[in-house]
Protein backbone atom coordinates (compact mmCIF):
# COMPACT_ATOMS: atom_id res chain seq x y z
CA MET A 1 14.97 -15.96 33.93
CA LYS A 2 17.43 -13.22 33.51
CA TYR A 3 16.46 -10.01 31.36
CA LEU A 4 18.70 -7.16 30.12
CA ILE A 5 17.59 -3.74 29.11
CA THR A 6 19.22 -1.38 27.32
CA GLU A 7 17.83 1.86 28.29
CA SER A 8 17.95 3.35 31.23
CA GLN A 9 15.02 5.01 31.70
CA LEU A 10 12.57 2.50 30.11
CA ASP A 11 9.18 3.05 32.36
CA LYS A 12 9.23 0.97 35.33
CA VAL A 13 6.30 0.00 34.13
CA ILE A 14 8.15 -2.76 32.79
CA PHE A 15 9.14 -4.12 35.99
CA ARG A 16 5.62 -3.60 37.58
CA TYR A 17 4.18 -5.87 34.71
CA LEU A 18 7.20 -8.48 35.14
CA ASN A 19 7.01 -8.76 39.33
CA ASN A 20 3.29 -9.38 39.24
CA GLN A 21 2.77 -12.77 36.23
CA ASP A 22 1.94 -15.46 36.82
CA PHE A 23 3.66 -16.77 34.06
CA ILE A 24 6.89 -14.36 34.71
CA GLN A 25 8.57 -14.01 37.89
CA ILE A 26 11.12 -11.87 38.93
CA GLU A 27 12.80 -12.98 42.14
CA GLU A 28 15.34 -11.49 44.84
CA GLY A 29 19.05 -10.58 43.06
CA ASN A 30 20.27 -9.45 40.45
CA ASN A 31 18.25 -10.73 37.66
CA ILE A 32 18.00 -7.21 35.12
CA TYR A 33 20.66 -6.36 33.66
CA PHE A 34 20.79 -2.63 32.07
CA VAL A 35 23.51 -1.74 29.48
CA ASN A 36 25.17 1.78 29.82
CA SER A 37 28.57 3.40 29.99
CA GLU A 38 29.11 4.96 33.35
CA GLY A 39 31.03 1.32 35.09
CA ASP A 40 29.31 -1.52 36.78
CA GLU A 41 27.64 -0.54 39.42
CA TYR A 42 23.88 -2.03 41.44
CA ALA A 43 21.11 -0.32 42.04
CA GLN A 44 17.55 -0.99 43.16
CA ILE A 45 14.10 -1.14 40.92
CA ARG A 46 11.52 0.17 43.94
CA TYR A 47 8.65 -0.28 42.09
CA ASP A 48 6.02 -3.09 42.25
CA LYS A 49 2.49 -3.00 40.43
CA ASP A 50 1.08 -0.62 43.10
CA ASP A 51 4.38 2.12 42.82
CA GLU A 52 5.27 -0.27 46.21
CA TRP A 53 8.66 -0.51 47.06
CA CYS A 54 10.17 -3.92 45.71
CA GLY A 55 13.75 -3.89 46.44
CA ILE A 56 14.15 -5.62 43.02
CA ASN A 57 18.44 -5.44 42.40
CA TYR A 58 19.75 -4.34 38.97
CA LYS A 59 23.52 -4.71 37.56
CA LEU A 60 24.34 -2.14 35.48
CA ILE A 61 26.77 -3.41 33.03
CA ASN A 62 29.92 -0.91 31.65
CA GLU A 63 28.86 -0.94 27.83
CA ILE A 64 31.91 -2.02 26.24
CA SER A 65 32.63 -4.91 28.66
CA SER A 66 28.56 -6.55 27.62
CA SER A 67 30.00 -6.46 24.01
CA SER A 68 33.42 -7.97 24.26
CA SER A 69 33.58 -12.10 24.11
CA ASN A 70 33.84 -12.41 27.86
CA SER A 71 31.03 -11.33 28.88
CA GLN A 72 29.97 -13.81 31.64
CA THR A 73 26.68 -13.36 31.57
CA THR A 74 23.66 -14.52 29.14
CA PHE A 75 20.20 -13.07 28.97
CA ASP A 76 16.82 -14.97 28.76
CA LEU A 77 15.00 -11.71 26.59
CA ALA A 78 17.51 -8.47 25.45
CA ILE A 79 14.35 -5.43 26.08
CA VAL A 80 16.06 -3.01 23.23
CA SER A 81 15.50 0.97 23.26
CA PRO A 82 14.46 2.12 19.62
CA GLY A 83 17.38 5.12 20.33
CA TRP A 84 20.11 2.26 19.74
CA LYS A 85 20.71 1.63 16.43
CA LEU A 86 20.68 -1.64 14.66
CA ASP A 87 24.38 -1.89 14.31
CA HIS A 88 25.33 -1.45 17.23
CA PRO A 89 27.84 -3.18 19.12
CA VAL A 90 26.05 -4.35 21.84
CA ILE A 91 23.49 -5.27 19.58
CA LYS A 92 25.28 -7.36 16.74
CA LYS A 93 27.24 -9.51 20.14
CA LEU A 94 23.49 -9.75 21.44
CA ARG A 95 22.39 -11.19 17.87
CA ASP A 96 25.79 -13.63 18.04
CA LEU A 97 24.81 -15.14 20.84
CA LYS A 98 21.05 -15.49 20.06
CA ILE A 99 19.58 -14.02 22.24
CA PRO A 100 16.33 -12.81 21.58
CA LEU A 101 15.45 -8.71 21.06
CA ILE A 102 12.35 -7.43 21.32
CA SER A 103 11.98 -3.75 21.71
CA GLU A 104 9.38 -1.58 23.88
CA VAL A 105 6.40 -1.67 21.66
CA ASP A 106 6.31 -5.49 20.64
CA LEU A 107 6.60 -5.94 24.36
CA ALA A 108 3.51 -4.47 24.39
CA TRP A 109 2.05 -6.08 22.36
CA GLN A 110 2.13 -9.04 23.95
CA ILE A 111 1.15 -8.12 27.08
CA LYS A 112 -1.80 -6.89 25.39
CA THR A 113 -2.70 -9.95 24.12
CA GLU A 114 -2.27 -11.05 28.22
CA LEU A 115 -4.80 -8.08 29.42
CA ALA A 116 -6.08 -6.77 26.97
CA PRO A 117 -6.84 -9.04 23.70
CA ASN A 118 -9.77 -7.41 22.54
CA GLN A 119 -8.40 -3.75 22.55
CA ARG A 120 -7.28 -1.95 18.91
CA TRP A 121 -4.25 -0.51 17.30
CA ILE A 122 -4.53 2.51 15.35
CA ALA A 123 -0.90 4.31 14.50
CA LEU A 124 1.18 6.99 12.53
CA THR A 125 4.79 8.45 11.78
CA GLY A 126 5.99 10.74 9.38
CA THR A 127 9.05 13.40 9.89
CA ASN A 128 6.70 16.20 10.74
CA GLY A 129 3.44 16.44 12.80
CA LYS A 130 3.27 13.32 14.93
CA THR A 131 2.75 15.05 17.72
CA THR A 132 0.22 17.57 16.60
CA THR A 133 -1.74 15.06 14.67
CA ILE A 134 -2.50 12.65 17.44
CA GLN A 135 -3.14 15.07 19.64
CA MET A 136 -6.45 15.85 17.16
CA VAL A 137 -6.99 11.79 17.36
CA GLN A 138 -7.21 12.03 21.31
CA SER A 139 -9.27 15.28 21.10
CA ILE A 140 -11.66 13.14 18.78
CA PHE A 141 -11.59 10.15 21.08
CA ASP A 142 -12.67 12.69 23.79
CA ALA A 143 -15.56 14.26 21.79
CA ALA A 144 -16.51 10.69 21.10
CA LYS A 145 -16.44 9.71 24.13
CA VAL A 146 -13.69 6.39 23.25
CA ASN A 147 -12.08 4.96 25.70
CA GLY A 148 -9.07 5.49 24.24
CA LYS A 149 -6.02 6.94 24.92
CA ALA A 150 -2.90 8.71 22.61
CA CYS A 151 0.46 7.41 23.90
CA GLY A 152 4.10 6.35 22.03
CA ASN A 153 6.54 8.68 21.27
CA VAL A 154 4.47 11.43 22.83
CA GLY A 155 3.55 11.25 26.44
CA GLU A 156 3.18 8.20 27.90
CA THR A 157 5.03 5.06 26.87
CA VAL A 158 2.39 2.47 25.08
CA ILE A 159 3.83 -0.24 27.54
CA GLU A 160 2.06 2.23 30.33
CA SER A 161 -0.70 2.40 28.72
CA VAL A 162 -1.43 -1.43 27.47
CA THR A 163 -1.00 -2.32 31.87
CA LYS A 164 -3.28 0.38 32.74
CA SER A 165 -6.91 -1.11 34.64
CA PRO A 166 -9.18 -1.31 33.62
CA SER A 167 -7.92 -1.77 30.37
CA PHE A 168 -8.48 0.73 26.98
CA ASP A 169 -10.50 -0.35 24.15
CA TYR A 170 -8.23 2.00 21.69
CA LEU A 171 -4.33 3.01 21.52
CA ALA A 172 -3.86 5.51 19.12
CA LEU A 173 0.00 5.23 18.59
CA GLU A 174 2.19 8.08 17.62
CA LEU A 175 5.75 6.37 16.49
CA SER A 176 8.95 7.93 15.18
CA SER A 177 11.05 6.06 12.88
CA PHE A 178 13.39 4.66 15.50
CA GLN A 179 10.67 2.68 17.09
CA ILE A 180 8.50 0.97 13.43
CA ALA A 181 12.44 -0.18 12.83
CA TRP A 182 12.72 -1.62 15.46
CA SER A 183 8.59 -3.37 15.76
CA GLU A 184 7.83 -6.73 14.17
CA LEU A 185 4.69 -7.16 15.76
CA PRO A 186 1.55 -5.26 15.63
CA THR A 187 -1.41 -5.58 13.66
CA PHE A 188 -3.11 -1.98 13.65
CA SER A 189 -7.01 -1.51 12.40
CA ALA A 190 -5.30 1.65 10.68
CA VAL A 191 -1.80 3.65 9.86
CA SER A 192 -1.70 6.98 8.26
CA ILE A 193 2.35 8.65 6.92
CA LEU A 194 2.04 11.92 6.80
CA ASN A 195 4.86 13.05 4.95
CA ILE A 196 8.42 12.01 4.67
CA ALA A 197 11.78 14.38 4.65
CA GLU A 198 15.55 14.51 5.54
CA ASP A 199 15.52 13.33 9.21
CA HIS A 200 17.96 11.24 11.04
CA LEU A 201 20.27 10.25 8.74
CA ASP A 202 22.87 9.34 11.25
CA TRP A 203 21.12 7.29 12.50
CA HIS A 204 19.59 5.41 9.59
CA GLY A 205 22.89 6.98 7.40
CA SER A 206 20.54 7.07 4.54
CA PHE A 207 17.29 8.57 3.03
CA GLU A 208 16.39 6.29 1.25
CA SER A 209 16.58 3.55 4.44
CA TYR A 210 14.76 6.24 6.81
CA ALA A 211 11.50 6.10 4.55
CA ALA A 212 11.70 2.50 4.98
CA ALA A 213 11.49 2.84 8.73
CA LYS A 214 8.64 5.19 7.75
CA LEU A 215 7.30 2.59 5.31
CA LYS A 216 7.24 -0.16 6.95
CA LEU A 217 4.53 1.06 9.27
CA THR A 218 2.27 0.36 5.45
CA ASN A 219 3.06 -3.38 6.26
CA GLN A 220 1.22 -4.15 9.32
CA ALA A 221 -2.27 -1.89 9.04
CA LYS A 222 -5.91 -3.52 7.53
CA VAL A 223 -6.19 0.96 6.42
CA VAL A 224 -3.25 2.77 4.96
CA ILE A 225 -3.83 6.11 4.89
CA LEU A 226 -1.16 8.30 2.99
CA ASN A 227 -1.25 12.16 1.65
CA LYS A 228 -1.41 12.12 -1.72
CA THR A 229 0.45 15.88 -1.44
CA ASP A 230 3.62 13.77 0.05
CA SER A 231 6.50 13.25 -3.51
CA ALA A 232 8.98 11.40 -1.33
CA THR A 233 5.65 8.94 -0.26
CA THR A 234 4.24 8.81 -3.28
CA SER A 235 7.03 7.88 -5.23
CA ARG A 236 7.03 5.24 -3.27
CA THR A 237 3.91 3.53 -2.65
CA GLY A 238 3.00 4.35 -6.17
CA VAL A 239 -0.16 6.60 -6.88
CA ASN A 240 -2.76 3.54 -5.88
CA GLY A 241 -0.54 1.87 -3.60
CA GLU A 242 0.32 -0.41 -5.99
CA LYS A 243 4.11 -0.78 -4.67
CA LEU A 244 2.52 -2.08 -1.15
CA ASN A 245 3.39 -4.95 0.45
CA GLY A 246 0.24 -5.35 2.27
CA ASN A 247 -2.20 -7.64 1.11
CA ASN A 248 -6.26 -6.74 0.54
CA GLN A 249 -5.29 -3.73 2.26
CA HIS A 250 -8.25 -0.76 2.08
CA ILE A 251 -5.59 2.51 0.73
CA VAL A 252 -7.34 6.12 1.65
CA TRP A 253 -5.49 8.90 0.51
CA TYR A 254 -5.77 12.73 1.14
CA SER A 255 -4.82 16.09 0.02
CA LEU A 256 -5.99 19.68 -0.18
CA GLN A 257 -7.89 18.99 -3.44
CA THR A 258 -10.94 17.99 -4.84
CA PRO A 259 -11.43 14.46 -3.34
CA LYS A 260 -11.78 11.18 -6.07
CA ILE A 261 -13.66 8.46 -5.48
CA GLY A 262 -11.73 6.74 -2.07
CA GLU A 263 -10.20 9.78 -1.32
CA ILE A 264 -10.13 12.51 1.80
CA GLY A 265 -9.88 16.16 0.79
CA LEU A 266 -11.66 19.95 0.30
CA VAL A 267 -14.15 21.15 -1.39
CA GLU A 268 -14.33 25.17 -1.55
CA ASN A 269 -14.78 25.86 2.52
CA LEU A 270 -14.94 21.60 3.69
CA ILE A 271 -12.91 18.63 3.83
CA ILE A 272 -15.35 15.83 2.43
CA ASP A 273 -14.63 12.63 2.65
CA ARG A 274 -15.46 10.49 0.02
CA ALA A 275 -13.39 7.25 1.20
CA PHE A 276 -15.77 5.79 4.33
CA GLY A 277 -18.95 5.99 3.24
CA ASP A 278 -20.74 4.82 0.33
CA SER A 279 -19.43 5.38 -2.94
CA GLN A 280 -21.34 7.92 -4.25
CA SER A 281 -21.56 9.35 -0.59
CA ALA A 282 -19.36 12.85 0.05
CA ASP A 283 -19.65 13.34 3.38
CA GLU A 284 -18.75 16.63 5.36
CA ILE A 285 -16.23 16.16 8.49
CA ALA A 286 -14.99 19.78 8.75
CA GLU A 287 -15.31 23.38 7.59
CA LEU A 288 -11.61 24.82 7.39
CA SER A 289 -12.74 27.69 9.87
CA ASP A 290 -12.99 24.28 12.63
CA ILE A 291 -9.08 24.09 12.29
CA LYS A 292 -7.10 26.40 13.82
CA PRO A 293 -4.22 26.81 12.85
CA THR A 294 -5.97 26.90 9.19
CA VAL A 295 -3.51 26.46 7.74
CA PRO A 296 -1.71 24.02 4.45
CA HIS A 297 0.33 21.91 7.20
CA ASN A 298 -2.31 21.86 9.77
CA VAL A 299 -5.37 20.69 6.93
CA LEU A 300 -3.28 17.84 6.31
CA ASN A 301 -3.04 16.64 10.22
CA ALA A 302 -6.53 17.64 10.42
CA MET A 303 -7.57 14.89 7.61
CA ALA A 304 -5.23 12.09 8.99
CA ALA A 305 -6.59 12.76 11.97
CA ALA A 306 -10.25 12.39 10.76
CA ALA A 307 -9.05 9.51 8.81
CA LEU A 308 -7.92 6.90 11.10
CA CYS A 309 -10.99 7.90 13.58
CA LEU A 310 -13.55 7.10 10.48
CA ALA A 311 -11.67 3.70 10.32
CA ILE A 312 -12.26 2.55 13.95
CA GLY A 313 -16.15 3.72 12.99
CA ILE A 314 -15.90 6.77 14.68
CA SER A 315 -18.57 9.13 13.14
CA HIS A 316 -18.25 11.98 11.46
CA LYS A 317 -19.76 14.70 13.77
CA PHE A 318 -17.28 13.41 16.37
CA VAL A 319 -14.83 13.46 13.86
CA LYS A 320 -16.29 17.38 13.44
CA GLN A 321 -16.34 18.52 17.01
CA GLY A 322 -12.82 16.96 18.37
CA LEU A 323 -10.85 19.16 15.47
CA ALA A 324 -13.01 21.97 16.56
CA ASN A 325 -12.18 21.41 19.89
CA PHE A 326 -8.96 20.65 19.67
CA LYS A 327 -5.55 23.24 20.13
CA THR A 328 -1.98 22.77 19.28
CA ASP A 329 0.50 23.10 21.59
CA HIS A 330 2.67 25.53 22.71
CA HIS A 331 5.93 26.08 20.07
CA ARG A 332 4.04 24.76 17.12
CA LEU A 333 3.13 27.69 15.67
CA GLU A 334 2.60 29.32 18.78
CA LEU A 335 1.81 33.53 18.88
CA VAL A 336 4.22 34.58 21.94
CA ALA A 337 3.38 38.33 21.30
CA ARG A 338 2.15 40.97 18.98
CA GLU A 339 3.70 44.00 19.39
CA ASN A 340 3.75 47.50 16.90
CA GLU A 341 2.68 45.20 14.55
CA ILE A 342 5.49 43.04 14.27
CA SER A 343 4.47 39.14 15.21
CA TRP A 344 6.44 37.35 17.46
CA VAL A 345 6.09 33.31 16.09
CA ASP A 346 7.48 30.02 18.75
CA ASP A 347 7.47 27.55 16.02
CA SER A 348 10.81 25.48 17.94
CA LYS A 349 9.39 21.71 17.24
CA ALA A 350 10.07 22.76 12.95
CA THR A 351 13.30 20.50 14.42
CA ASN A 352 13.89 19.62 10.36
CA PRO A 353 13.70 21.87 6.82
CA HIS A 354 10.62 19.54 5.84
CA ALA A 355 8.34 21.92 9.53
CA ALA A 356 10.92 24.87 8.53
CA GLU A 357 9.36 24.83 4.72
CA ALA A 358 5.79 24.58 6.38
CA ALA A 359 6.18 27.65 8.50
CA LEU A 360 7.88 29.53 6.49
CA LEU A 361 5.44 29.36 3.79
CA ALA A 362 2.52 30.01 6.55
CA HIS A 363 3.64 33.57 6.42
CA GLU A 364 4.72 36.37 4.19
CA LYS A 365 7.91 38.89 5.95
CA VAL A 366 9.82 36.61 8.19
CA ILE A 367 13.03 37.73 10.34
CA TRP A 368 13.79 33.54 10.39
CA ILE A 369 15.50 32.74 13.85
CA ALA A 370 17.30 29.28 12.87
CA GLY A 371 20.60 26.95 13.17
CA GLY A 372 21.13 23.63 15.67
CA LEU A 373 22.43 19.97 15.08
CA ALA A 374 20.77 19.33 11.44
CA LYS A 375 21.28 15.95 12.36
CA GLY A 376 22.66 15.01 8.53
CA ALA A 377 19.87 17.38 7.01
CA GLN A 378 20.82 19.41 3.56
CA MET A 379 18.77 22.83 3.47
CA ARG A 380 18.88 23.91 -0.15
CA ASP A 381 15.66 22.81 -0.64
CA LEU A 382 14.65 25.13 2.09
CA ILE A 383 15.94 28.03 0.72
CA SER A 384 15.13 27.56 -2.56
CA ASN A 385 11.77 26.49 -2.22
CA CYS A 386 11.16 30.24 1.01
CA HIS A 387 13.70 32.44 -0.18
CA ASN A 388 10.78 34.90 -0.73
CA ARG A 389 9.59 34.67 2.52
CA ILE A 390 12.60 35.17 4.14
CA ARG A 391 13.15 39.13 5.12
CA ALA A 392 16.39 38.29 6.96
CA ALA A 393 17.80 35.60 9.01
CA ILE A 394 19.63 35.28 12.31
CA LEU A 395 21.39 32.22 12.54
CA ILE A 396 22.50 29.71 15.88
CA GLY A 397 24.03 26.78 16.79
CA GLN A 398 27.01 24.34 14.89
CA ASP A 399 25.15 23.65 11.43
CA ARG A 400 24.61 26.68 11.06
CA LYS A 401 27.08 27.07 8.08
CA LEU A 402 24.49 24.78 6.11
CA ILE A 403 22.47 27.01 6.25
CA SER A 404 23.99 30.44 5.71
CA ASP A 405 25.99 28.32 2.23
CA ALA A 406 23.17 27.68 0.96
CA MET A 407 21.35 31.34 1.19
CA ALA A 408 24.44 32.85 -0.31
CA GLU A 409 23.76 30.03 -3.36
CA ILE A 410 20.49 30.80 -3.86
CA ALA A 411 19.85 34.72 -2.06
CA PRO A 412 22.55 36.14 -1.98
CA LYS A 413 20.79 39.30 -0.98
CA ILE A 414 18.74 38.38 2.39
CA PRO A 415 21.16 39.65 5.04
CA ILE A 416 22.02 36.86 7.56
CA PHE A 417 23.21 37.68 10.83
CA LEU A 418 24.95 35.31 13.37
CA VAL A 419 24.67 34.93 16.81
CA ASP A 420 26.37 33.25 19.68
CA GLY A 421 26.66 33.09 23.52
CA GLU A 422 28.18 31.30 26.42
CA ASN A 423 25.07 29.52 27.60
CA SER A 424 21.42 29.35 26.00
CA ASN A 425 19.83 32.04 27.48
CA GLU A 426 22.49 34.56 26.79
CA LEU A 427 22.05 33.48 23.35
CA MET A 428 18.58 33.94 23.03
CA GLU A 429 18.74 36.67 24.82
CA LYS A 430 21.15 38.47 21.48
CA VAL A 431 18.40 36.62 19.10
CA VAL A 432 15.75 38.42 20.59
CA LYS A 433 17.28 41.86 20.65
CA LYS A 434 18.36 41.45 17.10
CA ALA A 435 15.47 40.50 16.23
CA ALA A 436 13.57 43.96 17.67
CA GLU A 437 16.33 45.91 15.91
CA ILE A 438 15.63 44.77 12.21
CA ALA A 439 11.92 43.82 12.51
CA VAL A 440 9.30 46.21 10.92
CA ALA A 441 5.93 46.47 11.32
CA ASN A 442 4.16 43.45 9.60
CA ASP A 443 6.85 41.46 10.47
CA THR A 444 6.85 38.02 11.87
CA VAL A 445 9.60 36.77 13.76
CA LEU A 446 9.88 33.12 13.49
CA LEU A 447 11.08 30.64 15.11
CA ALA A 448 11.72 27.89 13.31
CA PRO A 449 14.82 26.45 14.04
CA ALA A 450 15.15 23.41 11.32
CA CYS A 451 17.82 21.36 13.60
CA ALA A 452 17.21 19.78 16.71
CA SER A 453 18.48 21.92 19.76
């Protein structure tokens, strides 16, 4: 058989798996092909199941020639990296040739049915908060001593996790919009949509296409967990989930309000579950003080993580313990210094306007460092919602004019400083120097770029 793989960085475990299954035999020779843009050449896969050298050859195919009509190579299967657009010329050519296309996540699901048929999957997606929330799930797994692994768009790939021996009982997948758009096969015990806001419009082409990719995940689950505070979600699902396509689904809403029956929410300083017990119960999930940092968007993340774990039967006791044990990763509202009553906070993972808004609203007086590649997103709503928190802005990067134009229109009195550098080190040295010059006591210098780097 011949395999085409559209991503040369796809994990070596694919080759370990393909090379060690009775029903898929890889022989010496050029039966694995990568598409790349660097010309035709040969290389070698040197890994087998036990990291031994196995010397399997593969061929790198020039992207242009692989999409031309006179391509001499035919394939039994193409494994597609999610970064490739659905309408890429190479993808179109493969479809024209009627070559089966499969994503890494779908391939992992097929492998799961062979290696771990009883393994259960849960998943989440969202514009922001995905990694923090899936790490909270892992912390709850650890507290409950559940044999489970968080994977996907964070840490290990899904296919690497599914081929581990002995098998995990549960996989918790963090999925990007790209991965969801490319995947069709998995069935999840529960999924959560954290939020939907403008991002990756350069890939999807429009916000509606991006939102549809996110919400596609709800078609593949028995339990669907949704953020009631997110208008982009509720307007597309209906307030009772009536616009969803799934059948006989259990819809669970969460919010920062007092929960109704079937919801998770807040009662004073407690996160309360009214979704997974009997209809009259109100069970404590955690105290607000268990969630750090205790800011609104992070409390919502904790609710989603709790709901995913409650959906697969983990007790409230261990959910509370796991959330209390959890510490956010670096670069997520990370306090890196406090000097002369000035706080320096790194939220460099806030790479779109929605995430930057959450970071800005978590602080009172901000010297804001922002800019980079906007990926098609607009900045007007961000500035409109947050300008009262911004004392000054230091703008960098290719698309900073989108931010400065929005500020000039909505908050023209806020000082703006444009900073450039010959390289990233010089740039950030200049940024820090400028921030130190203008910051005063009780300010927060906040790196929340609202753009990719």
